[in-house]
Amino acid sequence: MKIGSIGMLTAITAMALGGCASSGNTSIADATGSTVAAQIVKGKTSQADVRRMYGDPLKTSFTSNGKESWEYEFARMQSKPTNFIPYVNLVHSGAEGEKKSLVFFFDTNKIVQDYTMSTSKVDESRGLITQ
């Protein structure tokens, strides 16, 4: 392999690795419906138990009858290849990846009544062309 080829391979590898990012609560990064079901027992698991397992929620909300919900989110994104092409990145750039959301619903005694977990694809575009 020539010196120029090694330099090019190093640059491509650095761009690929440098284009990844994650945000949110890492305690749900690898969670699945079955792993959550193994930890949470509806009607028995307390709000304190949920906090010990998953930490502080990103969002909390209350219903008019005093019931509370806690929401956890985690997103793992990777830069689009066009981000690394000079001038092209002005026209089209962004990131794509996956977002997870885990929401717990508590009764007035602070016991889990239900929960829901969802995963969705995320595509964020910037620039003059956003499709």
C-alpha atoms as a PDB file:
ATOM      1  CA  MET A   1       0.000   0.000   0.000  1.00  0.00           C
ATOM      2  CA  LYS A   2       1.364   3.410  -0.927  1.00  0.00           C
ATOM      3  CA  ILE A   3       1.736   6.281   1.577  1.00  0.00           C
ATOM      4  CA  GLY A   4      -1.030   8.230  -0.209  1.00  0.00           C
ATOM      5  CA  SER A   5      -3.396   5.271   0.057  1.00  0.00           C
ATOM      6  CA  ILE A   6      -2.697   4.932   3.779  1.00  0.00           C
ATOM      7  CA  GLY A   7      -3.407   8.633   4.283  1.00  0.00           C
ATOM      8  CA  MET A   8      -6.657   8.416   2.340  1.00  0.00           C
ATOM      9  CA  LEU A   9      -7.753   5.305   4.273  1.00  0.00           C
ATOM     10  CA  THR A  10      -6.958   7.048   7.568  1.00  0.00           C
ATOM     11  CA  ALA A  11      -8.950  10.126   6.551  1.00  0.00           C
ATOM     12  CA  ILE A  12     -11.978   8.072   5.503  1.00  0.00           C
ATOM     13  CA  THR A  13     -11.871   6.078   8.742  1.00  0.00           C
ATOM     14  CA  ALA A  14     -11.604   9.261  10.826  1.00  0.00           C
ATOM     15  CA  MET A  15     -14.587  10.805   9.025  1.00  0.00           C
ATOM     16  CA  ALA A  16     -16.702   7.682   9.480  1.00  0.00           C
ATOM     17  CA  LEU A  17     -15.911   7.418  13.176  1.00  0.00           C
ATOM     18  CA  GLY A  18     -16.178  11.152  13.766  1.00  0.00           C
ATOM     19  CA  GLY A  19     -19.651  11.250  12.286  1.00  0.00           C
ATOM     20  CA  CYS A  20     -21.407   9.333  15.092  1.00  0.00           C
ATOM     21  CA  ALA A  21     -23.203  10.877  18.054  1.00  0.00           C
ATOM     22  CA  SER A  22     -25.653   9.846  20.703  1.00  0.00           C
ATOM     23  CA  SER A  23     -27.811  11.788  23.122  1.00  0.00           C
ATOM     24  CA  GLY A  24     -30.292  11.143  25.867  1.00  0.00           C
ATOM     25  CA  ASN A  25     -30.501   8.602  28.634  1.00  0.00           C
ATOM     26  CA  THR A  26     -27.942   5.864  27.996  1.00  0.00           C
ATOM     27  CA  SER A  27     -29.753   3.488  30.366  1.00  0.00           C
ATOM     28  CA  ILE A  28     -32.244   2.760  27.563  1.00  0.00           C
ATOM     29  CA  ALA A  29     -29.675   2.673  24.729  1.00  0.00           C
ATOM     30  CA  ASP A  30     -29.759  -1.115  24.485  1.00  0.00           C
ATOM     31  CA  ALA A  31     -33.195  -1.658  26.043  1.00  0.00           C
ATOM     32  CA  THR A  32     -35.794  -3.717  24.216  1.00  0.00           C
ATOM     33  CA  GLY A  33     -39.409  -4.459  24.982  1.00  0.00           C
ATOM     34  CA  SER A  34     -38.410  -7.806  26.470  1.00  0.00           C
ATOM     35  CA  THR A  35     -35.615  -6.418  28.681  1.00  0.00           C
ATOM     36  CA  VAL A  36     -37.969  -3.762  30.071  1.00  0.00           C
ATOM     37  CA  ALA A  37     -40.690  -6.385  30.623  1.00  0.00           C
ATOM     38  CA  ALA A  38     -38.186  -8.477  32.606  1.00  0.00           C
ATOM     39  CA  GLN A  39     -37.508  -5.509  34.946  1.00  0.00           C
ATOM     40  CA  ILE A  40     -40.946  -3.886  35.306  1.00  0.00           C
ATOM     41  CA  VAL A  41     -43.990  -5.510  36.892  1.00  0.00           C
ATOM     42  CA  LYS A  42     -47.182  -3.546  36.249  1.00  0.00           C
ATOM     43  CA  GLY A  43     -49.034  -2.874  39.506  1.00  0.00           C
ATOM     44  CA  LYS A  44     -45.934  -3.612  41.607  1.00  0.00           C
ATOM     45  CA  THR A  45     -42.853  -1.657  40.427  1.00  0.00           C
ATOM     46  CA  SER A  46     -42.614   1.695  42.205  1.00  0.00           C
ATOM     47  CA  GLN A  47     -41.557   5.081  40.911  1.00  0.00           C
ATOM     48  CA  ALA A  48     -38.447   4.812  43.123  1.00  0.00           C
ATOM     49  CA  ASP A  49     -37.596   1.463  41.461  1.00  0.00           C
ATOM     50  CA  VAL A  50     -37.894   3.054  38.002  1.00  0.00           C
ATOM     51  CA  ARG A  51     -35.613   5.923  39.087  1.00  0.00           C
ATOM     52  CA  ARG A  52     -33.003   3.419  40.367  1.00  0.00           C
ATOM     53  CA  MET A  53     -33.091   1.483  37.083  1.00  0.00           C
ATOM     54  CA  TYR A  54     -33.272   4.341  34.579  1.00  0.00           C
ATOM     55  CA  GLY A  55     -32.308   7.517  36.423  1.00  0.00           C
ATOM     56  CA  ASP A  56     -34.139  10.815  36.208  1.00  0.00           C
ATOM     57  CA  PRO A  57     -36.687  11.155  33.397  1.00  0.00           C
ATOM     58  CA  LEU A  58     -36.244  13.602  30.544  1.00  0.00           C
ATOM     59  CA  LYS A  59     -39.880  14.728  30.834  1.00  0.00           C
ATOM     60  CA  THR A  60     -42.596  14.403  33.443  1.00  0.00           C
ATOM     61  CA  SER A  61     -46.271  15.246  33.091  1.00  0.00           C
ATOM     62  CA  PHE A  62     -49.439  14.999  35.150  1.00  0.00           C
ATOM     63  CA  THR A  63     -53.049  14.298  34.237  1.00  0.00           C
ATOM     64  CA  SER A  64     -55.971  16.179  35.742  1.00  0.00           C
ATOM     65  CA  ASN A  65     -56.653  13.277  38.132  1.00  0.00           C
ATOM     66  CA  GLY A  66     -53.103  13.340  39.569  1.00  0.00           C
ATOM     67  CA  LYS A  67     -51.534  10.494  37.613  1.00  0.00           C
ATOM     68  CA  GLU A  68     -47.954  11.009  36.489  1.00  0.00           C
ATOM     69  CA  SER A  69     -45.931   9.913  33.449  1.00  0.00           C
ATOM     70  CA  TRP A  70     -42.164   9.829  32.994  1.00  0.00           C
ATOM     71  CA  GLU A  71     -40.469   9.837  29.591  1.00  0.00           C
ATOM     72  CA  TYR A  72     -36.960   8.650  28.719  1.00  0.00           C
ATOM     73  CA  GLU A  73     -35.332   9.127  25.314  1.00  0.00           C
ATOM     74  CA  PHE A  74     -32.141   8.028  23.603  1.00  0.00           C
ATOM     75  CA  ALA A  75     -30.974   8.774  20.062  1.00  0.00           C
ATOM     76  CA  ARG A  76     -28.022   7.382  18.132  1.00  0.00           C
ATOM     77  CA  MET A  77     -27.188   9.345  14.995  1.00  0.00           C
ATOM     78  CA  GLN A  78     -24.618   9.131  12.206  1.00  0.00           C
ATOM     79  CA  SER A  79     -23.588  11.944   9.899  1.00  0.00           C
ATOM     80  CA  LYS A  80     -24.595  11.710   6.268  1.00  0.00           C
ATOM     81  CA  PRO A  81     -21.650  11.203   3.881  1.00  0.00           C
ATOM     82  CA  THR A  82     -22.341  14.553   2.172  1.00  0.00           C
ATOM     83  CA  ASN A  83     -21.317  16.336   5.410  1.00  0.00           C
ATOM     84  CA  PHE A  84     -17.681  15.645   4.530  1.00  0.00           C
ATOM     85  CA  ILE A  85     -17.708  16.873   0.935  1.00  0.00           C
ATOM     86  CA  PRO A  86     -16.696  20.538   0.681  1.00  0.00           C
ATOM     87  CA  TYR A  87     -19.326  22.777  -0.928  1.00  0.00           C
ATOM     88  CA  VAL A  88     -21.761  19.860  -1.316  1.00  0.00           C
ATOM     89  CA  ASN A  89     -22.328  20.010   2.447  1.00  0.00           C
ATOM     90  CA  LEU A  90     -23.675  23.555   2.010  1.00  0.00           C
ATOM     91  CA  VAL A  91     -26.391  22.213  -0.274  1.00  0.00           C
ATOM     92  CA  HIS A  92     -27.210  19.001   1.597  1.00  0.00           C
ATOM     93  CA  SER A  93     -26.030  17.660   4.956  1.00  0.00           C
ATOM     94  CA  GLY A  94     -27.475  16.180   8.109  1.00  0.00           C
ATOM     95  CA  ALA A  95     -27.693  13.005  10.131  1.00  0.00           C
ATOM     96  CA  GLU A  96     -29.744   9.843  10.294  1.00  0.00           C
ATOM     97  CA  GLY A  97     -30.262   7.217  12.933  1.00  0.00           C
ATOM     98  CA  GLU A  98     -32.638   5.811  15.495  1.00  0.00           C
ATOM     99  CA  LYS A  99     -34.546   7.232  18.460  1.00  0.00           C
ATOM    100  CA  LYS A 100     -35.942   5.236  21.386  1.00  0.00           C
ATOM    101  CA  SER A 101     -38.620   6.421  23.751  1.00  0.00           C
ATOM    102  CA  LEU A 102     -39.698   4.721  26.994  1.00  0.00           C
ATOM    103  CA  VAL A 103     -42.688   6.142  28.880  1.00  0.00           C
ATOM    104  CA  PHE A 104     -43.961   4.997  32.286  1.00  0.00           C
ATOM    105  CA  PHE A 105     -47.467   5.730  33.593  1.00  0.00           C
ATOM    106  CA  PHE A 106     -47.910   5.807  37.382  1.00  0.00           C
ATOM    107  CA  ASP A 107     -51.058   5.734  39.511  1.00  0.00           C
ATOM    108  CA  THR A 108     -51.615   8.153  42.407  1.00  0.00           C
ATOM    109  CA  ASN A 109     -49.692   5.759  44.706  1.00  0.00           C
ATOM    110  CA  LYS A 110     -46.614   6.078  42.435  1.00  0.00           C
ATOM    111  CA  ILE A 111     -46.837   2.501  41.149  1.00  0.00           C
ATOM    112  CA  VAL A 112     -46.313   1.619  37.457  1.00  0.00           C
ATOM    113  CA  GLN A 113     -49.692   0.996  35.838  1.00  0.00           C
ATOM    114  CA  ASP A 114     -48.394   0.766  32.284  1.00  0.00           C
ATOM    115  CA  TYR A 115     -45.450   1.606  30.053  1.00  0.00           C
ATOM    116  CA  THR A 116     -44.718   1.887  26.358  1.00  0.00           C
ATOM    117  CA  MET A 117     -41.513   1.654  24.376  1.00  0.00           C
ATOM    118  CA  SER A 118     -41.076   2.758  20.791  1.00  0.00           C
ATOM    119  CA  THR A 119     -38.247   2.974  18.291  1.00  0.00           C
ATOM    120  CA  SER A 120     -38.297   5.177  15.230  1.00  0.00           C
ATOM    121  CA  LYS A 121     -35.986   6.134  12.397  1.00  0.00           C
ATOM    122  CA  VAL A 122     -34.778   9.741  12.389  1.00  0.00           C
ATOM    123  CA  ASP A 123     -33.559  11.680   9.344  1.00  0.00           C
ATOM    124  CA  GLU A 124     -32.409  15.251   9.870  1.00  0.00           C
ATOM    125  CA  SER A 125     -31.463  17.251   6.783  1.00  0.00           C
ATOM    126  CA  ARG A 126     -29.943  20.703   6.446  1.00  0.00           C
ATOM    127  CA  GLY A 127     -28.925  22.899   3.559  1.00  0.00           C
ATOM    128  CA  LEU A 128     -30.605  24.101   0.400  1.00  0.00           C
ATOM    129  CA  ILE A 129     -31.878  20.601  -0.429  1.00  0.00           C
ATOM    130  CA  THR A 130     -33.508  18.903   2.560  1.00  0.00           C
ATOM    131  CA  GLN A 131     -34.972  15.792   0.950  1.00  0.00           C
END
